[in-house]
N, C-alpha and C. Protein backbone atom coordinates (compact mmCIF):
# COMPACT_ATOMS: atom_id res chain seq x y z
N UNK A 1 98.77 141.61 79.21
CA UNK A 1 98.86 141.46 77.77
C UNK A 1 99.62 140.16 77.44
N UNK A 2 98.96 139.24 76.74
CA UNK A 2 99.57 137.97 76.39
C UNK A 2 100.43 138.11 75.13
N UNK A 3 101.59 137.43 75.15
CA UNK A 3 102.48 137.40 74.00
C UNK A 3 102.64 135.96 73.54
N UNK A 4 102.51 135.73 72.24
CA UNK A 4 102.62 134.39 71.67
C UNK A 4 104.11 134.03 71.51
N UNK A 5 104.50 132.85 72.02
CA UNK A 5 105.91 132.44 72.01
C UNK A 5 106.00 131.04 71.39
N UNK A 6 106.91 130.90 70.42
CA UNK A 6 107.13 129.60 69.79
C UNK A 6 108.07 128.79 70.67
N UNK A 7 107.57 127.70 71.23
CA UNK A 7 108.33 126.93 72.23
C UNK A 7 108.79 125.58 71.69
N UNK A 8 107.85 124.75 71.24
CA UNK A 8 108.20 123.38 70.85
C UNK A 8 108.35 123.25 69.34
N UNK A 9 109.57 122.96 68.93
CA UNK A 9 109.89 122.79 67.52
C UNK A 9 109.28 121.49 66.98
N UNK A 10 109.19 121.35 65.64
CA UNK A 10 108.61 120.12 65.06
C UNK A 10 109.29 118.84 65.52
N UNK A 11 110.62 118.86 65.68
CA UNK A 11 111.34 117.66 66.13
C UNK A 11 110.82 117.21 67.49
N UNK A 12 110.63 118.16 68.41
CA UNK A 12 110.16 117.84 69.75
C UNK A 12 108.74 117.30 69.71
N UNK A 13 107.88 117.94 68.92
CA UNK A 13 106.47 117.52 68.87
C UNK A 13 106.32 116.15 68.23
N UNK A 14 107.01 115.92 67.10
CA UNK A 14 106.92 114.63 66.43
C UNK A 14 107.49 113.53 67.32
N UNK A 15 108.64 113.81 67.94
CA UNK A 15 109.25 112.82 68.83
C UNK A 15 108.33 112.49 70.00
N UNK A 16 107.67 113.51 70.54
CA UNK A 16 106.75 113.30 71.66
C UNK A 16 105.63 112.35 71.28
N UNK A 17 105.00 112.59 70.14
CA UNK A 17 103.85 111.77 69.74
C UNK A 17 104.28 110.39 69.27
N UNK A 18 105.46 110.26 68.68
CA UNK A 18 105.98 108.93 68.35
C UNK A 18 106.21 108.12 69.63
N UNK A 19 106.73 108.81 70.65
CA UNK A 19 106.92 108.15 71.94
C UNK A 19 105.59 107.70 72.53
N UNK A 20 104.60 108.56 72.47
CA UNK A 20 103.28 108.21 73.01
C UNK A 20 102.72 106.98 72.30
N UNK A 21 102.73 107.01 70.96
CA UNK A 21 102.19 105.89 70.18
C UNK A 21 102.97 104.61 70.47
N UNK A 22 104.31 104.72 70.46
CA UNK A 22 105.15 103.54 70.70
C UNK A 22 104.92 102.96 72.09
N UNK A 23 104.79 103.84 73.10
CA UNK A 23 104.61 103.36 74.47
C UNK A 23 103.24 102.71 74.66
N UNK A 24 102.22 103.22 73.99
CA UNK A 24 100.89 102.59 74.06
C UNK A 24 100.95 101.19 73.44
N UNK A 25 101.59 101.09 72.28
CA UNK A 25 101.73 99.78 71.61
C UNK A 25 102.55 98.84 72.48
N UNK A 26 103.63 99.33 73.07
CA UNK A 26 104.46 98.50 73.93
C UNK A 26 103.70 98.03 75.16
N UNK A 27 102.86 98.91 75.71
CA UNK A 27 102.07 98.54 76.89
C UNK A 27 101.07 97.44 76.56
N UNK A 28 100.36 97.60 75.45
CA UNK A 28 99.34 96.61 75.06
C UNK A 28 99.99 95.27 74.74
N UNK A 29 101.02 95.29 73.91
CA UNK A 29 101.69 94.04 73.53
C UNK A 29 102.41 93.42 74.72
N UNK A 30 102.99 94.27 75.59
CA UNK A 30 103.69 93.75 76.77
C UNK A 30 102.75 93.05 77.72
N UNK A 31 101.56 93.63 77.93
CA UNK A 31 100.56 92.99 78.80
C UNK A 31 100.11 91.65 78.21
N UNK A 32 99.99 91.62 76.89
CA UNK A 32 99.57 90.37 76.25
C UNK A 32 100.67 89.30 76.34
N UNK A 33 101.91 89.70 76.08
CA UNK A 33 103.03 88.75 76.14
C UNK A 33 103.15 88.16 77.54
N UNK A 34 102.90 88.99 78.56
CA UNK A 34 102.98 88.51 79.95
C UNK A 34 101.86 87.52 80.26
N UNK A 35 100.71 87.68 79.59
CA UNK A 35 99.58 86.79 79.86
C UNK A 35 98.79 86.56 78.57
N UNK A 36 99.29 85.72 77.67
CA UNK A 36 98.60 85.48 76.38
C UNK A 36 97.21 84.88 76.61
N UNK A 37 96.20 85.50 76.06
CA UNK A 37 94.83 85.00 76.26
C UNK A 37 94.15 84.64 74.94
N UNK A 38 94.88 84.76 73.83
CA UNK A 38 94.34 84.36 72.53
C UNK A 38 95.31 83.34 71.92
N UNK A 39 94.82 82.18 71.54
CA UNK A 39 95.69 81.14 71.02
C UNK A 39 95.53 80.90 69.55
N UNK A 40 95.34 81.96 68.78
CA UNK A 40 95.12 81.80 67.34
C UNK A 40 96.43 81.55 66.60
N UNK A 41 96.36 80.68 65.60
CA UNK A 41 97.48 80.48 64.70
C UNK A 41 97.20 81.27 63.43
N UNK A 42 97.99 82.30 63.19
CA UNK A 42 97.74 83.20 62.07
C UNK A 42 98.16 82.56 60.76
N UNK A 43 99.29 81.87 60.77
CA UNK A 43 99.82 81.23 59.57
C UNK A 43 100.08 79.76 59.89
N UNK A 44 99.21 78.87 59.37
CA UNK A 44 99.31 77.46 59.69
C UNK A 44 100.64 76.86 59.23
N UNK A 45 101.08 77.21 58.02
CA UNK A 45 102.30 76.62 57.46
C UNK A 45 103.54 77.06 58.22
N UNK A 46 103.59 78.33 58.54
CA UNK A 46 104.76 78.85 59.26
C UNK A 46 104.64 78.67 60.77
N UNK A 47 103.43 78.33 61.24
CA UNK A 47 103.21 78.20 62.68
C UNK A 47 103.30 79.53 63.40
N UNK A 48 102.85 80.58 62.74
CA UNK A 48 102.94 81.94 63.28
C UNK A 48 101.72 82.22 64.16
N UNK A 49 101.92 82.33 65.46
CA UNK A 49 100.83 82.50 66.41
C UNK A 49 100.63 83.98 66.78
N UNK A 50 99.51 84.21 67.45
CA UNK A 50 99.20 85.58 67.92
C UNK A 50 100.33 86.13 68.78
N UNK A 51 100.87 85.29 69.66
CA UNK A 51 101.96 85.74 70.54
C UNK A 51 103.19 86.14 69.74
N UNK A 52 103.47 85.42 68.66
CA UNK A 52 104.60 85.78 67.79
C UNK A 52 104.39 87.16 67.18
N UNK A 53 103.16 87.42 66.73
CA UNK A 53 102.84 88.72 66.14
C UNK A 53 102.98 89.83 67.18
N UNK A 54 102.52 89.54 68.41
CA UNK A 54 102.63 90.53 69.49
C UNK A 54 104.09 90.82 69.81
N UNK A 55 104.90 89.79 69.85
CA UNK A 55 106.33 89.99 70.13
C UNK A 55 107.00 90.79 69.02
N UNK A 56 106.65 90.49 67.79
CA UNK A 56 107.23 91.23 66.66
C UNK A 56 106.83 92.71 66.72
N UNK A 57 105.55 92.97 67.00
CA UNK A 57 105.07 94.35 67.12
C UNK A 57 105.76 95.05 68.28
N UNK A 58 105.94 94.35 69.38
CA UNK A 58 106.63 94.89 70.55
C UNK A 58 108.07 95.26 70.20
N UNK A 59 108.70 94.40 69.42
CA UNK A 59 110.09 94.61 69.01
C UNK A 59 110.21 95.86 68.13
N UNK A 60 109.31 96.00 67.14
CA UNK A 60 109.35 97.15 66.22
C UNK A 60 109.09 98.45 66.99
N UNK A 61 108.06 98.43 67.87
CA UNK A 61 107.72 99.63 68.64
C UNK A 61 108.87 100.03 69.56
N UNK A 62 109.59 99.04 70.09
CA UNK A 62 110.71 99.35 71.00
C UNK A 62 111.83 100.06 70.26
N UNK A 63 112.06 99.70 68.99
CA UNK A 63 113.10 100.36 68.21
C UNK A 63 112.68 101.77 67.82
N UNK A 64 111.40 101.96 67.55
CA UNK A 64 110.89 103.31 67.27
C UNK A 64 111.09 104.20 68.49
N UNK A 65 110.75 103.65 69.66
CA UNK A 65 110.92 104.39 70.91
C UNK A 65 112.39 104.70 71.15
N UNK A 66 113.26 103.71 70.93
CA UNK A 66 114.68 103.90 71.16
C UNK A 66 115.30 104.94 70.25
N UNK A 67 114.93 104.92 68.97
CA UNK A 67 115.45 105.92 68.03
C UNK A 67 114.96 107.31 68.39
N UNK A 68 113.68 107.41 68.78
CA UNK A 68 113.15 108.70 69.22
C UNK A 68 113.87 109.20 70.46
N UNK A 69 114.21 108.28 71.34
CA UNK A 69 114.96 108.59 72.56
C UNK A 69 116.30 109.22 72.21
N UNK A 70 117.01 108.64 71.23
CA UNK A 70 118.31 109.16 70.82
C UNK A 70 118.18 110.54 70.16
N UNK A 71 117.13 110.71 69.34
CA UNK A 71 116.90 112.00 68.69
C UNK A 71 116.65 113.08 69.74
N UNK A 72 115.83 112.73 70.75
CA UNK A 72 115.53 113.72 71.79
C UNK A 72 116.76 114.07 72.61
N UNK A 73 117.61 113.06 72.86
CA UNK A 73 118.85 113.33 73.59
C UNK A 73 119.72 114.29 72.79
N UNK A 74 119.83 114.09 71.50
CA UNK A 74 120.60 114.99 70.64
C UNK A 74 120.01 116.40 70.66
N UNK A 75 118.68 116.48 70.69
CA UNK A 75 118.01 117.78 70.65
C UNK A 75 118.15 118.54 71.96
N UNK A 76 118.60 117.88 73.02
CA UNK A 76 118.92 118.57 74.26
C UNK A 76 120.08 119.54 74.06
N UNK A 77 120.85 119.32 73.00
CA UNK A 77 122.02 120.16 72.72
C UNK A 77 121.85 120.98 71.44
N UNK A 78 120.97 120.52 70.53
CA UNK A 78 120.82 121.18 69.23
C UNK A 78 119.54 121.99 69.10
N UNK A 79 118.61 121.82 70.03
CA UNK A 79 117.31 122.49 69.91
C UNK A 79 117.33 123.93 70.38
N UNK A 80 116.16 124.56 70.38
CA UNK A 80 116.06 125.94 70.87
C UNK A 80 116.18 125.97 72.39
N UNK A 81 116.11 127.12 72.98
CA UNK A 81 116.39 127.26 74.42
C UNK A 81 115.42 126.46 75.28
N UNK A 82 114.19 126.26 74.82
CA UNK A 82 113.20 125.53 75.60
C UNK A 82 113.39 124.03 75.51
N UNK A 83 114.10 123.57 74.50
CA UNK A 83 114.33 122.13 74.32
C UNK A 83 115.64 121.68 74.94
N UNK A 84 116.53 122.62 75.27
CA UNK A 84 117.86 122.26 75.76
C UNK A 84 117.83 121.82 77.22
N UNK A 85 118.81 121.02 77.59
CA UNK A 85 118.87 120.42 78.93
C UNK A 85 118.91 121.48 80.03
N UNK A 86 119.54 122.62 79.77
CA UNK A 86 119.67 123.66 80.79
C UNK A 86 118.33 124.29 81.15
N UNK A 87 117.34 124.17 80.27
CA UNK A 87 116.03 124.72 80.56
C UNK A 87 115.09 123.65 81.13
N UNK A 88 115.62 122.48 81.40
CA UNK A 88 114.83 121.41 82.00
C UNK A 88 115.27 121.11 83.43
N UNK A 89 116.57 121.24 83.67
CA UNK A 89 117.10 120.92 85.00
C UNK A 89 117.28 122.19 85.82
N UNK A 90 117.30 122.06 87.15
CA UNK A 90 117.45 123.24 88.02
C UNK A 90 118.86 123.79 88.00
N UNK A 91 119.27 124.30 86.82
CA UNK A 91 120.60 124.88 86.65
C UNK A 91 120.45 126.40 86.74
N UNK A 92 121.20 127.01 87.61
CA UNK A 92 121.12 128.46 87.77
C UNK A 92 120.18 128.83 88.92
N UNK A 93 120.35 130.02 89.41
CA UNK A 93 119.61 130.47 90.60
C UNK A 93 118.10 130.52 90.37
N UNK A 94 117.69 131.01 89.19
CA UNK A 94 116.27 131.16 88.92
C UNK A 94 115.54 129.82 88.94
N UNK A 95 116.10 128.84 88.25
CA UNK A 95 115.43 127.54 88.20
C UNK A 95 115.57 126.79 89.52
N UNK A 96 116.67 126.97 90.23
CA UNK A 96 116.84 126.30 91.52
C UNK A 96 115.81 126.83 92.53
N UNK A 97 115.66 128.16 92.58
CA UNK A 97 114.65 128.73 93.47
C UNK A 97 113.25 128.36 93.00
N UNK A 98 113.08 128.33 91.68
CA UNK A 98 111.78 127.96 91.12
C UNK A 98 111.41 126.52 91.42
N UNK A 99 112.42 125.65 91.55
CA UNK A 99 112.16 124.24 91.88
C UNK A 99 111.45 124.12 93.21
N UNK A 100 111.97 124.82 94.23
CA UNK A 100 111.37 124.72 95.56
C UNK A 100 110.03 125.42 95.62
N UNK A 101 109.89 126.50 94.87
CA UNK A 101 108.60 127.18 94.83
C UNK A 101 107.55 126.29 94.17
N UNK A 102 107.96 125.57 93.12
CA UNK A 102 107.05 124.67 92.42
C UNK A 102 106.65 123.51 93.33
N UNK A 103 107.62 122.96 94.07
CA UNK A 103 107.32 121.87 95.01
C UNK A 103 106.36 122.35 96.08
N UNK A 104 106.62 123.56 96.59
CA UNK A 104 105.72 124.11 97.62
C UNK A 104 104.30 124.29 97.07
N UNK A 105 104.20 124.69 95.82
CA UNK A 105 102.88 124.85 95.21
C UNK A 105 102.16 123.51 95.11
N UNK A 106 102.90 122.47 94.70
CA UNK A 106 102.29 121.14 94.56
C UNK A 106 101.83 120.58 95.90
N UNK A 107 102.50 121.01 96.98
CA UNK A 107 102.11 120.55 98.33
C UNK A 107 101.18 121.55 99.02
N UNK A 108 100.59 122.45 98.22
CA UNK A 108 99.60 123.42 98.71
C UNK A 108 100.17 124.38 99.76
N UNK A 109 101.48 124.65 99.66
CA UNK A 109 102.13 125.59 100.56
C UNK A 109 102.33 126.95 99.90
N UNK A 110 102.08 127.01 98.59
CA UNK A 110 102.12 128.26 97.83
C UNK A 110 100.76 128.44 97.17
N UNK A 111 100.21 129.64 97.31
CA UNK A 111 98.89 129.89 96.74
C UNK A 111 98.96 130.14 95.24
N UNK A 112 99.97 130.90 94.82
CA UNK A 112 100.07 131.27 93.41
C UNK A 112 100.90 130.25 92.64
N UNK A 113 100.38 129.79 91.51
CA UNK A 113 101.09 128.82 90.69
C UNK A 113 102.23 129.51 89.93
N UNK A 114 103.47 129.01 90.06
CA UNK A 114 104.59 129.59 89.29
C UNK A 114 104.35 129.41 87.80
N UNK A 115 104.75 130.39 87.01
CA UNK A 115 104.53 130.33 85.56
C UNK A 115 105.86 130.11 84.85
N UNK A 116 105.84 129.15 83.93
CA UNK A 116 107.03 128.83 83.15
C UNK A 116 106.63 128.72 81.69
N UNK A 117 107.39 129.36 80.83
CA UNK A 117 107.09 129.27 79.40
C UNK A 117 107.47 127.89 78.87
N UNK A 118 108.62 127.38 79.31
CA UNK A 118 109.04 126.04 78.91
C UNK A 118 108.59 125.01 79.93
N UNK A 119 109.50 124.11 80.29
CA UNK A 119 109.21 123.06 81.27
C UNK A 119 109.57 123.55 82.66
N UNK A 120 108.67 123.38 83.63
CA UNK A 120 109.01 123.80 84.99
C UNK A 120 110.03 122.84 85.59
N UNK A 121 110.81 123.27 86.59
CA UNK A 121 111.92 122.46 87.10
C UNK A 121 111.51 121.09 87.63
N UNK A 122 110.35 120.99 88.27
CA UNK A 122 109.89 119.70 88.79
C UNK A 122 109.60 118.74 87.64
N UNK A 123 108.92 119.25 86.63
CA UNK A 123 108.62 118.42 85.46
C UNK A 123 109.91 117.99 84.76
N UNK A 124 110.88 118.91 84.69
CA UNK A 124 112.15 118.60 84.05
C UNK A 124 112.86 117.43 84.73
N UNK A 125 112.90 117.44 86.06
CA UNK A 125 113.52 116.35 86.81
C UNK A 125 112.72 115.06 86.62
N UNK A 126 111.39 115.19 86.60
CA UNK A 126 110.54 114.02 86.40
C UNK A 126 110.79 113.38 85.05
N UNK A 127 110.93 114.21 84.02
CA UNK A 127 111.20 113.69 82.67
C UNK A 127 112.58 113.04 82.61
N UNK A 128 113.54 113.58 83.36
CA UNK A 128 114.87 112.98 83.41
C UNK A 128 114.79 111.58 84.02
N UNK A 129 114.05 111.46 85.12
CA UNK A 129 113.87 110.15 85.76
C UNK A 129 113.16 109.20 84.80
N UNK A 130 112.15 109.71 84.10
CA UNK A 130 111.44 108.89 83.11
C UNK A 130 112.41 108.40 82.03
N UNK A 131 113.30 109.28 81.58
CA UNK A 131 114.27 108.90 80.56
C UNK A 131 115.21 107.80 81.05
N UNK A 132 115.63 107.89 82.32
CA UNK A 132 116.50 106.87 82.89
C UNK A 132 115.77 105.54 83.02
N UNK A 133 114.49 105.59 83.39
CA UNK A 133 113.69 104.36 83.49
C UNK A 133 113.48 103.74 82.11
N UNK A 134 113.27 104.59 81.10
CA UNK A 134 113.14 104.08 79.74
C UNK A 134 114.43 103.41 79.28
N UNK A 135 115.55 104.00 79.67
CA UNK A 135 116.85 103.40 79.34
C UNK A 135 116.98 102.03 79.99
N UNK A 136 116.59 101.94 81.27
CA UNK A 136 116.64 100.67 81.98
C UNK A 136 115.71 99.64 81.34
N UNK A 137 114.52 100.10 80.95
CA UNK A 137 113.58 99.21 80.28
C UNK A 137 114.16 98.69 78.97
N UNK A 138 114.79 99.58 78.22
CA UNK A 138 115.39 99.18 76.95
C UNK A 138 116.52 98.17 77.14
N UNK A 139 117.37 98.42 78.13
CA UNK A 139 118.50 97.52 78.39
C UNK A 139 118.00 96.14 78.81
N UNK A 140 117.03 96.09 79.72
CA UNK A 140 116.50 94.79 80.15
C UNK A 140 115.77 94.08 79.02
N UNK A 141 115.09 94.86 78.17
CA UNK A 141 114.40 94.26 77.02
C UNK A 141 115.37 93.64 76.04
N UNK A 142 116.46 94.36 75.73
CA UNK A 142 117.46 93.83 74.80
C UNK A 142 118.16 92.62 75.41
N UNK A 143 118.35 92.65 76.75
CA UNK A 143 118.98 91.51 77.42
C UNK A 143 118.13 90.25 77.28
N UNK A 144 116.80 90.41 77.36
CA UNK A 144 115.92 89.26 77.16
C UNK A 144 115.97 88.78 75.71
N UNK A 145 116.06 89.74 74.79
CA UNK A 145 116.18 89.40 73.38
C UNK A 145 117.48 88.64 73.14
N UNK A 146 118.54 89.03 73.84
CA UNK A 146 119.86 88.40 73.66
C UNK A 146 119.89 86.97 74.14
N UNK A 147 118.92 86.58 74.98
CA UNK A 147 118.88 85.21 75.50
C UNK A 147 118.74 84.19 74.38
N UNK A 148 118.15 84.61 73.26
CA UNK A 148 117.94 83.70 72.13
C UNK A 148 119.23 83.43 71.37
N UNK A 149 120.28 84.17 71.67
CA UNK A 149 121.54 84.04 70.95
C UNK A 149 122.65 83.70 71.93
N UNK A 150 123.22 82.53 71.76
CA UNK A 150 124.30 82.11 72.65
C UNK A 150 125.62 82.80 72.30
N UNK A 151 125.71 83.30 71.07
CA UNK A 151 126.91 84.01 70.63
C UNK A 151 126.48 85.24 69.83
N UNK A 152 127.43 86.04 69.43
CA UNK A 152 127.12 87.20 68.60
C UNK A 152 127.04 88.49 69.38
N UNK A 153 126.74 89.56 68.66
CA UNK A 153 126.78 90.92 69.22
C UNK A 153 125.85 91.10 70.42
N UNK A 154 124.58 90.70 70.28
CA UNK A 154 123.60 90.97 71.33
C UNK A 154 124.00 90.28 72.64
N UNK A 155 124.45 89.04 72.54
CA UNK A 155 124.84 88.31 73.74
C UNK A 155 126.07 88.92 74.39
N UNK A 156 127.04 89.31 73.55
CA UNK A 156 128.26 89.92 74.08
C UNK A 156 127.97 91.26 74.73
N UNK A 157 127.12 92.07 74.06
CA UNK A 157 126.85 93.44 74.54
C UNK A 157 125.90 93.48 75.72
N UNK A 158 124.92 92.55 75.77
CA UNK A 158 123.87 92.66 76.80
C UNK A 158 123.67 91.39 77.63
N UNK A 159 124.42 90.35 77.34
CA UNK A 159 124.27 89.12 78.12
C UNK A 159 124.59 89.31 79.60
N UNK A 160 125.50 90.23 79.91
CA UNK A 160 125.89 90.49 81.29
C UNK A 160 124.72 91.00 82.13
N UNK A 161 123.73 91.66 81.48
CA UNK A 161 122.58 92.20 82.22
C UNK A 161 121.79 91.06 82.87
N UNK A 162 121.64 89.97 82.13
CA UNK A 162 120.94 88.79 82.67
C UNK A 162 121.70 88.22 83.85
N UNK A 163 123.03 88.25 83.76
CA UNK A 163 123.86 87.74 84.85
C UNK A 163 123.68 88.59 86.10
N UNK A 164 123.61 89.91 85.92
CA UNK A 164 123.47 90.84 87.05
C UNK A 164 122.11 90.69 87.72
N UNK A 165 121.04 90.68 86.91
CA UNK A 165 119.69 90.64 87.46
C UNK A 165 119.23 89.22 87.81
N UNK A 166 119.61 88.27 86.99
CA UNK A 166 119.02 86.94 87.09
C UNK A 166 117.81 86.87 86.18
N UNK A 167 117.52 85.70 85.66
CA UNK A 167 116.49 85.54 84.64
C UNK A 167 115.13 86.04 85.09
N UNK A 168 114.69 85.64 86.26
CA UNK A 168 113.35 86.01 86.72
C UNK A 168 113.27 87.49 87.10
N UNK A 169 114.28 87.98 87.79
CA UNK A 169 114.29 89.39 88.20
C UNK A 169 114.34 90.31 86.98
N UNK A 170 115.04 89.87 85.94
CA UNK A 170 115.13 90.65 84.70
C UNK A 170 113.74 90.89 84.13
N UNK A 171 112.94 89.83 84.06
CA UNK A 171 111.58 89.94 83.53
C UNK A 171 110.68 90.75 84.46
N UNK A 172 110.89 90.58 85.75
CA UNK A 172 110.08 91.32 86.73
C UNK A 172 110.33 92.82 86.62
N UNK A 173 111.59 93.22 86.50
CA UNK A 173 111.93 94.64 86.37
C UNK A 173 111.36 95.20 85.07
N UNK A 174 111.58 94.48 83.98
CA UNK A 174 111.12 94.96 82.67
C UNK A 174 109.60 95.13 82.65
N UNK A 175 108.88 94.15 83.15
CA UNK A 175 107.42 94.22 83.14
C UNK A 175 106.90 95.19 84.20
N UNK A 176 107.55 95.20 85.35
CA UNK A 176 107.07 96.06 86.44
C UNK A 176 107.13 97.54 86.12
N UNK A 177 108.13 97.94 85.31
CA UNK A 177 108.25 99.35 84.93
C UNK A 177 107.06 99.82 84.11
N UNK A 178 106.37 98.91 83.45
CA UNK A 178 105.18 99.26 82.67
C UNK A 178 104.16 99.99 83.54
N UNK A 179 103.97 99.53 84.76
CA UNK A 179 102.97 100.13 85.64
C UNK A 179 103.41 101.51 86.13
N UNK A 180 104.72 101.71 86.22
CA UNK A 180 105.23 103.05 86.56
C UNK A 180 104.89 104.02 85.44
N UNK A 181 104.97 103.58 84.18
CA UNK A 181 104.65 104.44 83.04
C UNK A 181 103.15 104.75 82.98
N UNK A 182 102.34 103.79 83.35
CA UNK A 182 100.89 104.02 83.37
C UNK A 182 100.54 105.08 84.40
N UNK A 183 101.15 104.98 85.59
CA UNK A 183 100.92 105.98 86.64
C UNK A 183 101.41 107.35 86.18
N UNK A 184 102.61 107.38 85.56
CA UNK A 184 103.14 108.64 85.05
C UNK A 184 102.19 109.27 84.04
N UNK A 185 101.66 108.46 83.12
CA UNK A 185 100.77 108.97 82.08
C UNK A 185 99.54 109.64 82.68
N UNK A 186 98.94 109.00 83.67
CA UNK A 186 97.74 109.56 84.30
C UNK A 186 98.05 110.89 85.00
N UNK A 187 99.17 110.93 85.72
CA UNK A 187 99.56 112.16 86.41
C UNK A 187 99.92 113.25 85.40
N UNK A 188 100.63 112.85 84.35
CA UNK A 188 101.06 113.80 83.31
C UNK A 188 99.85 114.44 82.63
N UNK A 189 98.87 113.66 82.28
CA UNK A 189 97.65 114.19 81.64
C UNK A 189 96.94 115.16 82.58
N UNK A 190 96.84 114.77 83.83
CA UNK A 190 96.17 115.63 84.81
C UNK A 190 96.89 116.97 84.95
N UNK A 191 98.25 116.92 85.07
CA UNK A 191 99.01 118.14 85.26
C UNK A 191 98.97 119.05 84.03
N UNK A 192 98.98 118.46 82.84
CA UNK A 192 98.91 119.26 81.63
C UNK A 192 97.56 119.95 81.48
N UNK A 193 96.50 119.22 81.75
CA UNK A 193 95.16 119.81 81.67
C UNK A 193 94.98 120.89 82.74
N UNK A 194 95.50 120.62 83.94
CA UNK A 194 95.42 121.61 85.01
C UNK A 194 96.20 122.87 84.62
N UNK A 195 97.37 122.66 83.98
CA UNK A 195 98.17 123.80 83.54
C UNK A 195 97.46 124.63 82.50
N UNK A 196 96.73 123.98 81.60
CA UNK A 196 95.97 124.70 80.58
C UNK A 196 94.95 125.63 81.21
N UNK A 197 94.33 125.18 82.30
CA UNK A 197 93.30 125.98 82.96
C UNK A 197 93.89 127.02 83.90
N UNK A 198 94.93 126.65 84.65
CA UNK A 198 95.46 127.55 85.67
C UNK A 198 96.47 128.55 85.12
N UNK A 199 97.40 128.07 84.31
CA UNK A 199 98.43 128.96 83.77
C UNK A 199 97.92 129.75 82.57
N UNK A 200 96.97 129.17 81.86
CA UNK A 200 96.36 129.80 80.68
C UNK A 200 97.39 130.11 79.59
N UNK A 201 98.51 129.36 79.59
CA UNK A 201 99.51 129.61 78.54
C UNK A 201 99.66 128.42 77.61
N UNK A 202 98.66 127.54 77.62
CA UNK A 202 98.52 126.44 76.65
C UNK A 202 99.61 125.37 76.73
N UNK A 203 99.96 124.84 77.93
CA UNK A 203 100.96 123.76 77.97
C UNK A 203 100.48 122.48 77.29
N UNK A 204 99.16 122.24 77.28
CA UNK A 204 98.63 121.03 76.65
C UNK A 204 98.53 121.20 75.15
N UNK A 205 97.96 122.28 74.71
CA UNK A 205 97.77 122.50 73.27
C UNK A 205 99.08 122.82 72.55
N UNK A 206 100.10 123.27 73.31
CA UNK A 206 101.38 123.62 72.69
C UNK A 206 102.09 122.41 72.09
N UNK A 207 101.82 121.22 72.62
CA UNK A 207 102.48 120.03 72.09
C UNK A 207 101.90 119.66 70.73
N UNK A 208 100.78 120.28 70.36
CA UNK A 208 100.22 120.13 69.01
C UNK A 208 100.69 121.27 68.10
N UNK A 209 100.61 122.48 68.62
CA UNK A 209 100.88 123.66 67.78
C UNK A 209 102.31 124.18 67.89
N UNK A 210 102.95 123.96 69.03
CA UNK A 210 104.29 124.50 69.26
C UNK A 210 104.28 125.85 69.96
N UNK A 211 103.09 126.49 70.06
CA UNK A 211 103.01 127.85 70.59
C UNK A 211 102.47 127.86 72.02
N UNK A 212 103.09 128.70 72.85
CA UNK A 212 102.58 128.99 74.18
C UNK A 212 102.35 130.50 74.29
N UNK A 213 101.89 130.90 75.48
CA UNK A 213 101.62 132.33 75.70
C UNK A 213 102.25 132.75 77.03
N UNK A 214 102.79 133.95 77.06
CA UNK A 214 103.32 134.50 78.30
C UNK A 214 102.97 135.97 78.40
N UNK A 215 102.90 136.45 79.62
CA UNK A 215 102.56 137.86 79.85
C UNK A 215 103.81 138.72 79.73
């Protein structure tokens, strides 16, 4: 007998889709900035080129992503039980044991797929790593932005990042992480669709409706 359970609150769902949209925009504009292939001048008087527009769009999308990141971090403490950090990380005996069972299932060592109403422990750790990588991407991005300012807040707060990485390595790290996100997206889509079919508790559709199902 299936029971309908409200899992993802509006804050989580809206933040998720804002992140998706922002990351797609960041990926497209980032790829273009790395290799500009259109040399159009949009505004002759101001000298506003396509690359300038791409950089501006990249900048706006990065702030949308960053603000969503902060909201989601806050919701780890203010949200319902499925949104809180304790239901994402392997805290407690049940989730710790479930972590290894989930890993065994992914490596085809367990026949039966473990069922989780919220986020399974492996996914929770993966999202944590993703969050840390996003933080690193944001810091390196702001550090590159700070290069345009020899003085002021941005240079004081983030200029040291350029010193630590070096100019070329800074750009390499920032751009290289893009491909990690593309790989994550493909795997994430596959796992969500697989979960919809195998678990039958709507992990994919729940991010639209907020509702899952459990026995």
